[in-house]
């Protein structure tokens, strides 16, 4: 029996700035990762980690995708290094 592969999709934030809390009237969640999750074959387990909602927690994965705003690029590199 084959084991399912795991895809981990991460949206880091700048720890000094949380984009959802900057301007409540302009709240735009990261849709790109949701689209990738929706297009991933059903034979994969997909986990979304949005640091606006919960801090990043390391976990094993077969493939990792990270997207970030420029202000969170340093945090994205930090997570990629882990």
PDB file of N, CA and C in Angstrom:
ATOM      1  N   UNK A   1       0.833  -1.192   0.000  1.00  0.00           N
ATOM      2  CA  UNK A   1       0.000   0.000   0.000  1.00  0.00           C
ATOM      3  C   UNK A   1       0.879   1.258   0.000  1.00  0.00           C
ATOM      4  N   UNK A   2       0.578   2.168  -0.890  1.00  0.00           N
ATOM      5  CA  UNK A   2       1.341   3.417  -0.982  1.00  0.00           C
ATOM      6  C   UNK A   2       0.960   4.358   0.149  1.00  0.00           C
ATOM      7  N   UNK A   3       1.958   5.093   0.642  1.00  0.00           N
ATOM      8  CA  UNK A   3       1.654   6.127   1.618  1.00  0.00           C
ATOM      9  C   UNK A   3       1.342   7.416   0.874  1.00  0.00           C
ATOM     10  N   UNK A   4       0.455   8.198   1.437  1.00  0.00           N
ATOM     11  CA  UNK A   4       0.086   9.471   0.802  1.00  0.00           C
ATOM     12  C   UNK A   4       1.216  10.472   0.991  1.00  0.00           C
ATOM     13  N   UNK A   5       1.428  11.283  -0.016  1.00  0.00           N
ATOM     14  CA  UNK A   5       2.429  12.351   0.087  1.00  0.00           C
ATOM     15  C   UNK A   5       1.798  13.554   0.763  1.00  0.00           C
ATOM     16  N   UNK A   6       2.653  14.341   1.427  1.00  0.00           N
ATOM     17  CA  UNK A   6       2.164  15.512   2.152  1.00  0.00           C
ATOM     18  C   UNK A   6       2.736  16.783   1.532  1.00  0.00           C
ATOM     19  N   UNK A   7       1.837  17.730   1.230  1.00  0.00           N
ATOM     20  CA  UNK A   7       2.201  19.049   0.711  1.00  0.00           C
ATOM     21  C   UNK A   7       1.927  20.065   1.805  1.00  0.00           C
ATOM     22  N   UNK A   8       2.948  20.812   2.185  1.00  0.00           N
ATOM     23  CA  UNK A   8       2.827  21.833   3.217  1.00  0.00           C
ATOM     24  C   UNK A   8       2.924  23.204   2.552  1.00  0.00           C
ATOM     25  N   UNK A   9       1.889  24.020   2.682  1.00  0.00           N
ATOM     26  CA  UNK A   9       1.849  25.355   2.091  1.00  0.00           C
ATOM     27  C   UNK A   9       1.875  26.379   3.215  1.00  0.00           C
ATOM     28  N   UNK A  10       2.819  27.323   3.140  1.00  0.00           N
ATOM     29  CA  UNK A  10       3.068  28.248   4.247  1.00  0.00           C
ATOM     30  C   UNK A  10       2.965  29.698   3.782  1.00  0.00           C
ATOM     31  N   UNK A  11       2.290  30.501   4.597  1.00  0.00           N
ATOM     32  CA  UNK A  11       2.218  31.948   4.381  1.00  0.00           C
ATOM     33  C   UNK A  11       2.794  32.625   5.625  1.00  0.00           C
ATOM     34  N   UNK A  12       4.083  33.013   5.589  1.00  0.00           N
ATOM     35  CA  UNK A  12       4.689  33.665   6.744  1.00  0.00           C
ATOM     36  C   UNK A  12       4.297  35.136   6.825  1.00  0.00           C
ATOM     37  N   UNK A  13       4.454  35.702   8.003  1.00  0.00           N
ATOM     38  CA  UNK A  13       4.218  37.136   8.179  1.00  0.00           C
ATOM     39  C   UNK A  13       5.435  37.764   8.837  1.00  0.00           C
ATOM     40  N   UNK A  14       5.563  39.048   8.639  1.00  0.00           N
ATOM     41  CA  UNK A  14       6.581  39.819   9.339  1.00  0.00           C
ATOM     42  C   UNK A  14       6.151  39.863  10.800  1.00  0.00           C
ATOM     43  N   UNK A  15       6.998  39.410  11.730  1.00  0.00           N
ATOM     44  CA  UNK A  15       6.584  39.383  13.137  1.00  0.00           C
ATOM     45  C   UNK A  15       6.243  40.767  13.706  1.00  0.00           C
ATOM     46  N   UNK A  16       6.721  41.814  13.069  1.00  0.00           N
ATOM     47  CA  UNK A  16       6.423  43.174  13.547  1.00  0.00           C
ATOM     48  C   UNK A  16       5.115  43.707  12.974  1.00  0.00           C
ATOM     49  N   UNK A  17       4.681  43.118  11.854  1.00  0.00           N
ATOM     50  CA  UNK A  17       3.476  43.605  11.174  1.00  0.00           C
ATOM     51  C   UNK A  17       2.605  42.403  10.850  1.00  0.00           C
ATOM     52  N   UNK A  18       1.389  42.392  11.307  1.00  0.00           N
ATOM     53  CA  UNK A  18       0.444  41.344  10.922  1.00  0.00           C
ATOM     54  C   UNK A  18      -0.517  41.965   9.922  1.00  0.00           C
ATOM     55  N   UNK A  19      -0.469  41.483   8.682  1.00  0.00           N
ATOM     56  CA  UNK A  19      -1.200  42.129   7.597  1.00  0.00           C
ATOM     57  C   UNK A  19      -2.703  42.181   7.835  1.00  0.00           C
ATOM     58  N   UNK A  20      -3.289  41.209   8.503  1.00  0.00           N
ATOM     59  CA  UNK A  20      -4.734  41.235   8.740  1.00  0.00           C
ATOM     60  C   UNK A  20      -5.107  42.343   9.718  1.00  0.00           C
ATOM     61  N   UNK A  21      -4.172  42.700  10.592  1.00  0.00           N
ATOM     62  CA  UNK A  21      -4.512  43.680  11.623  1.00  0.00           C
ATOM     63  C   UNK A  21      -4.133  45.111  11.251  1.00  0.00           C
ATOM     64  N   UNK A  22      -3.460  45.310  10.127  1.00  0.00           N
ATOM     65  CA  UNK A  22      -3.071  46.657   9.727  1.00  0.00           C
ATOM     66  C   UNK A  22      -4.282  47.529   9.423  1.00  0.00           C
ATOM     67  N   UNK A  23      -5.133  47.046   8.587  1.00  0.00           N
ATOM     68  CA  UNK A  23      -6.303  47.811   8.166  1.00  0.00           C
ATOM     69  C   UNK A  23      -7.468  46.843   8.031  1.00  0.00           C
ATOM     70  N   UNK A  24      -8.387  46.861   8.972  1.00  0.00           N
ATOM     71  CA  UNK A  24      -9.498  45.913   9.002  1.00  0.00           C
ATOM     72  C   UNK A  24     -10.391  46.025   7.768  1.00  0.00           C
ATOM     73  N   UNK A  25     -10.445  47.187   7.141  1.00  0.00           N
ATOM     74  CA  UNK A  25     -11.287  47.348   5.960  1.00  0.00           C
ATOM     75  C   UNK A  25     -10.650  46.728   4.720  1.00  0.00           C
ATOM     76  N   UNK A  26      -9.351  46.568   4.726  1.00  0.00           N
ATOM     77  CA  UNK A  26      -8.668  45.943   3.595  1.00  0.00           C
ATOM     78  C   UNK A  26      -8.002  44.670   4.093  1.00  0.00           C
ATOM     79  N   UNK A  27      -8.789  43.634   4.182  1.00  0.00           N
ATOM     80  CA  UNK A  27      -8.306  42.346   4.674  1.00  0.00           C
ATOM     81  C   UNK A  27      -8.334  41.353   3.519  1.00  0.00           C
ATOM     82  N   UNK A  28      -7.174  40.966   3.045  1.00  0.00           N
ATOM     83  CA  UNK A  28      -7.099  40.075   1.892  1.00  0.00           C
ATOM     84  C   UNK A  28      -6.271  38.847   2.257  1.00  0.00           C
ATOM     85  N   UNK A  29      -6.900  37.709   2.452  1.00  0.00           N
ATOM     86  CA  UNK A  29      -6.134  36.508   2.775  1.00  0.00           C
ATOM     87  C   UNK A  29      -5.314  36.039   1.582  1.00  0.00           C
ATOM     88  N   UNK A  30      -4.266  35.247   1.824  1.00  0.00           N
ATOM     89  CA  UNK A  30      -3.419  34.755   0.742  1.00  0.00           C
ATOM     90  C   UNK A  30      -4.153  33.696  -0.082  1.00  0.00           C
ATOM     91  N   UNK A  31      -4.710  34.091  -1.216  1.00  0.00           N
ATOM     92  CA  UNK A  31      -5.523  33.179  -2.024  1.00  0.00           C
ATOM     93  C   UNK A  31      -4.698  32.203  -2.860  1.00  0.00           C
ATOM     94  N   UNK A  32      -3.465  32.563  -3.183  1.00  0.00           N
ATOM     95  CA  UNK A  32      -2.633  31.706  -4.031  1.00  0.00           C
ATOM     96  C   UNK A  32      -2.445  30.314  -3.464  1.00  0.00           C
ATOM     97  N   UNK A  33      -2.208  30.212  -2.162  1.00  0.00           N
ATOM     98  CA  UNK A  33      -2.011  28.894  -1.560  1.00  0.00           C
ATOM     99  C   UNK A  33      -3.299  28.084  -1.569  1.00  0.00           C
ATOM    100  N   UNK A  34      -4.427  28.752  -1.407  1.00  0.00           N
ATOM    101  CA  UNK A  34      -5.711  28.059  -1.480  1.00  0.00           C
ATOM    102  C   UNK A  34      -5.970  27.499  -2.864  1.00  0.00           C
ATOM    103  N   UNK A  35      -5.575  28.245  -3.873  1.00  0.00           N
ATOM    104  CA  UNK A  35      -5.739  27.774  -5.253  1.00  0.00           C
ATOM    105  C   UNK A  35      -4.840  26.564  -5.508  1.00  0.00           C
ATOM    106  N   UNK A  36      -3.592  26.642  -5.056  1.00  0.00           N
ATOM    107  CA  UNK A  36      -2.689  25.492  -5.208  1.00  0.00           C
ATOM    108  C   UNK A  36      -3.246  24.277  -4.471  1.00  0.00           C
ATOM    109  N   UNK A  37      -3.763  24.485  -3.264  1.00  0.00           N
ATOM    110  CA  UNK A  37      -4.348  23.372  -2.505  1.00  0.00           C
ATOM    111  C   UNK A  37      -5.520  22.754  -3.262  1.00  0.00           C
ATOM    112  N   UNK A  38      -6.359  23.588  -3.854  1.00  0.00           N
ATOM    113  CA  UNK A  38      -7.527  23.092  -4.582  1.00  0.00           C
ATOM    114  C   UNK A  38      -7.134  22.330  -5.851  1.00  0.00           C
ATOM    115  N   UNK A  39      -6.011  22.689  -6.454  1.00  0.00           N
ATOM    116  CA  UNK A  39      -5.574  22.040  -7.692  1.00  0.00           C
ATOM    117  C   UNK A  39      -4.666  20.832  -7.454  1.00  0.00           C
ATOM    118  N   UNK A  40      -4.315  20.587  -6.208  1.00  0.00           N
ATOM    119  CA  UNK A  40      -3.452  19.449  -5.886  1.00  0.00           C
ATOM    120  C   UNK A  40      -4.245  18.150  -6.029  1.00  0.00           C
ATOM    121  N   UNK A  41      -3.644  17.139  -6.637  1.00  0.00           N
ATOM    122  CA  UNK A  41      -4.360  15.869  -6.801  1.00  0.00           C
ATOM    123  C   UNK A  41      -4.856  15.323  -5.454  1.00  0.00           C
ATOM    124  N   UNK A  42      -5.978  14.631  -5.467  1.00  0.00           N
ATOM    125  CA  UNK A  42      -6.558  14.128  -4.215  1.00  0.00           C
ATOM    126  C   UNK A  42      -5.722  13.053  -3.533  1.00  0.00           C
ATOM    127  N   UNK A  43      -4.692  12.573  -4.190  1.00  0.00           N
ATOM    128  CA  UNK A  43      -3.822  11.567  -3.580  1.00  0.00           C
ATOM    129  C   UNK A  43      -2.815  12.182  -2.610  1.00  0.00           C
ATOM    130  N   UNK A  44      -2.798  13.501  -2.504  1.00  0.00           N
ATOM    131  CA  UNK A  44      -1.903  14.223  -1.593  1.00  0.00           C
ATOM    132  C   UNK A  44      -2.692  14.745  -0.397  1.00  0.00           C
ATOM    133  N   UNK A  45      -2.041  14.768   0.766  1.00  0.00           N
ATOM    134  CA  UNK A  45      -2.571  15.472   1.933  1.00  0.00           C
ATOM    135  C   UNK A  45      -2.012  16.885   1.885  1.00  0.00           C
ATOM    136  N   UNK A  46      -2.879  17.885   2.007  1.00  0.00           N
ATOM    137  CA  UNK A  46      -2.456  19.286   1.930  1.00  0.00           C
ATOM    138  C   UNK A  46      -2.684  19.952   3.286  1.00  0.00           C
ATOM    139  N   UNK A  47      -1.651  20.641   3.755  1.00  0.00           N
ATOM    140  CA  UNK A  47      -1.737  21.387   5.010  1.00  0.00           C
ATOM    141  C   UNK A  47      -1.390  22.838   4.720  1.00  0.00           C
ATOM    142  N   UNK A  48      -2.262  23.752   5.115  1.00  0.00           N
ATOM    143  CA  UNK A  48      -2.027  25.185   4.972  1.00  0.00           C
ATOM    144  C   UNK A  48      -1.638  25.759   6.333  1.00  0.00           C
ATOM    145  N   UNK A  49      -0.557  26.517   6.359  1.00  0.00           N
ATOM    146  CA  UNK A  49      -0.151  27.193   7.588  1.00  0.00           C
ATOM    147  C   UNK A  49      -0.049  28.685   7.307  1.00  0.00           C
ATOM    148  N   UNK A  50      -0.975  29.446   7.837  1.00  0.00           N
ATOM    149  CA  UNK A  50      -1.014  30.903   7.689  1.00  0.00           C
ATOM    150  C   UNK A  50      -0.620  31.505   9.031  1.00  0.00           C
ATOM    151  N   UNK A  51       0.526  32.181   9.068  1.00  0.00           N
ATOM    152  CA  UNK A  51       1.011  32.744  10.335  1.00  0.00           C
ATOM    153  C   UNK A  51       0.150  33.898  10.843  1.00  0.00           C
ATOM    154  N   UNK A  52      -0.751  34.419  10.031  1.00  0.00           N
ATOM    155  CA  UNK A  52      -1.698  35.403  10.545  1.00  0.00           C
ATOM    156  C   UNK A  52      -2.640  34.757  11.552  1.00  0.00           C
ATOM    157  N   UNK A  53      -2.829  33.459  11.429  1.00  0.00           N
ATOM    158  CA  UNK A  53      -3.758  32.746  12.292  1.00  0.00           C
ATOM    159  C   UNK A  53      -3.068  31.983  13.412  1.00  0.00           C
ATOM    160  N   UNK A  54      -1.885  31.434  13.112  1.00  0.00           N
ATOM    161  CA  UNK A  54      -1.157  30.616  14.091  1.00  0.00           C
ATOM    162  C   UNK A  54       0.322  30.598  13.708  1.00  0.00           C
ATOM    163  N   UNK A  55       1.237  30.692  14.681  1.00  0.00           N
ATOM    164  CA  UNK A  55       2.665  30.662  14.354  1.00  0.00           C
ATOM    165  C   UNK A  55       3.056  29.349  13.656  1.00  0.00           C
ATOM    166  N   UNK A  56       4.053  29.446  12.796  1.00  0.00           N
ATOM    167  CA  UNK A  56       4.549  28.282  12.063  1.00  0.00           C
ATOM    168  C   UNK A  56       5.041  27.213  13.031  1.00  0.00           C
ATOM    169  N   UNK A  57       4.670  25.972  12.736  1.00  0.00           N
ATOM    170  CA  UNK A  57       5.163  24.820  13.485  1.00  0.00           C
ATOM    171  C   UNK A  57       5.756  23.836  12.491  1.00  0.00           C
ATOM    172  N   UNK A  58       6.986  23.421  12.746  1.00  0.00           N
ATOM    173  CA  UNK A  58       7.671  22.491  11.850  1.00  0.00           C
ATOM    174  C   UNK A  58       6.927  21.163  11.791  1.00  0.00           C
ATOM    175  N   UNK A  59       6.856  20.598  10.602  1.00  0.00           N
ATOM    176  CA  UNK A  59       6.365  19.240  10.427  1.00  0.00           C
ATOM    177  C   UNK A  59       6.953  18.665   9.151  1.00  0.00           C
ATOM    178  N   UNK A  60       7.096  17.355   9.132  1.00  0.00           N
ATOM    179  CA  UNK A  60       7.642  16.662   7.966  1.00  0.00           C
ATOM    180  C   UNK A  60       6.693  16.816   6.785  1.00  0.00           C
ATOM    181  N   UNK A  61       7.266  16.954   5.597  1.00  0.00           N
ATOM    182  CA  UNK A  61       6.469  17.045   4.373  1.00  0.00           C
ATOM    183  C   UNK A  61       7.310  16.579   3.193  1.00  0.00           C
ATOM    184  N   UNK A  62       6.640  16.091   2.166  1.00  0.00           N
ATOM    185  CA  UNK A  62       7.328  15.682   0.948  1.00  0.00           C
ATOM    186  C   UNK A  62       7.635  16.875   0.051  1.00  0.00           C
ATOM    187  N   UNK A  63       6.785  17.893   0.129  1.00  0.00           N
ATOM    188  CA  UNK A  63       6.955  19.089  -0.687  1.00  0.00           C
ATOM    189  C   UNK A  63       6.441  20.290   0.103  1.00  0.00           C
ATOM    190  N   UNK A  64       7.177  21.397   0.036  1.00  0.00           N
ATOM    191  CA  UNK A  64       6.792  22.614   0.763  1.00  0.00           C
ATOM    192  C   UNK A  64       6.707  23.770  -0.216  1.00  0.00           C
ATOM    193  N   UNK A  65       5.653  24.562  -0.086  1.00  0.00           N
ATOM    194  CA  UNK A  65       5.495  25.780  -0.872  1.00  0.00           C
ATOM    195  C   UNK A  65       5.366  26.956   0.073  1.00  0.00           C
ATOM    196  N   UNK A  66       6.092  28.026  -0.211  1.00  0.00           N
ATOM    197  CA  UNK A  66       6.052  29.227   0.624  1.00  0.00           C
ATOM    198  C   UNK A  66       5.786  30.422  -0.279  1.00  0.00           C
ATOM    199  N   UNK A  67       4.868  31.278   0.134  1.00  0.00           N
ATOM    200  CA  UNK A  67       4.646  32.547  -0.548  1.00  0.00           C
ATOM    201  C   UNK A  67       4.591  33.621   0.516  1.00  0.00           C
ATOM    202  N   UNK A  68       5.049  34.812   0.177  1.00  0.00           N
ATOM    203  CA  UNK A  68       5.091  35.879   1.174  1.00  0.00           C
ATOM    204  C   UNK A  68       5.074  37.249   0.513  1.00  0.00           C
ATOM    205  N   UNK A  69       4.595  38.214   1.260  1.00  0.00           N
ATOM    206  CA  UNK A  69       4.730  39.613   0.850  1.00  0.00           C
ATOM    207  C   UNK A  69       6.184  40.013   1.059  1.00  0.00           C
ATOM    208  N   UNK A  70       6.617  41.033   0.382  1.00  0.00           N
ATOM    209  CA  UNK A  70       7.999  41.483   0.501  1.00  0.00           C
ATOM    210  C   UNK A  70       8.378  41.787   1.948  1.00  0.00           C
ATOM    211  N   UNK A  71       7.460  42.349   2.708  1.00  0.00           N
ATOM    212  CA  UNK A  71       7.757  42.695   4.100  1.00  0.00           C
ATOM    213  C   UNK A  71       8.001  41.457   4.966  1.00  0.00           C
ATOM    214  N   UNK A  72       7.581  40.282   4.497  1.00  0.00           N
ATOM    215  CA  UNK A  72       7.774  39.047   5.258  1.00  0.00           C
ATOM    216  C   UNK A  72       8.837  38.144   4.637  1.00  0.00           C
ATOM    217  N   UNK A  73       9.607  38.668   3.679  1.00  0.00           N
ATOM    218  CA  UNK A  73      10.603  37.850   2.987  1.00  0.00           C
ATOM    219  C   UNK A  73      11.642  37.278   3.949  1.00  0.00           C
ATOM    220  N   UNK A  74      12.089  38.050   4.909  1.00  0.00           N
ATOM    221  CA  UNK A  74      13.078  37.557   5.868  1.00  0.00           C
ATOM    222  C   UNK A  74      12.520  36.377   6.655  1.00  0.00           C
ATOM    223  N   UNK A  75      11.262  36.472   7.062  1.00  0.00           N
ATOM    224  CA  UNK A  75      10.624  35.371   7.784  1.00  0.00           C
ATOM    225  C   UNK A  75      10.468  34.157   6.861  1.00  0.00           C
ATOM    226  N   UNK A  76      10.162  34.367   5.602  1.00  0.00           N
ATOM    227  CA  UNK A  76      10.030  33.264   4.647  1.00  0.00           C
ATOM    228  C   UNK A  76      11.369  32.529   4.505  1.00  0.00           C
ATOM    229  N   UNK A  77      12.468  33.269   4.414  1.00  0.00           N
ATOM    230  CA  UNK A  77      13.793  32.643   4.336  1.00  0.00           C
ATOM    231  C   UNK A  77      14.099  31.889   5.607  1.00  0.00           C
ATOM    232  N   UNK A  78      13.703  32.426   6.734  1.00  0.00           N
ATOM    233  CA  UNK A  78      13.927  31.762   8.028  1.00  0.00           C
ATOM    234  C   UNK A  78      13.192  30.420   8.060  1.00  0.00           C
ATOM    235  N   UNK A  79      11.938  30.412   7.649  1.00  0.00           N
ATOM    236  CA  UNK A  79      11.157  29.174   7.621  1.00  0.00           C
ATOM    237  C   UNK A  79      11.745  28.205   6.606  1.00  0.00           C
ATOM    238  N   UNK A  80      12.156  28.682   5.440  1.00  0.00           N
ATOM    239  CA  UNK A  80      12.761  27.817   4.427  1.00  0.00           C
ATOM    240  C   UNK A  80      14.031  27.153   4.956  1.00  0.00           C
ATOM    241  N   UNK A  81      14.772  27.868   5.777  1.00  0.00           N
ATOM    242  CA  UNK A  81      15.989  27.320   6.367  1.00  0.00           C
ATOM    243  C   UNK A  81      15.715  26.186   7.351  1.00  0.00           C
ATOM    244  N   UNK A  82      14.558  26.234   7.955  1.00  0.00           N
ATOM    245  CA  UNK A  82      14.179  25.175   8.912  1.00  0.00           C
ATOM    246  C   UNK A  82      13.893  23.908   8.141  1.00  0.00           C
TER     247      UNK A  82
END
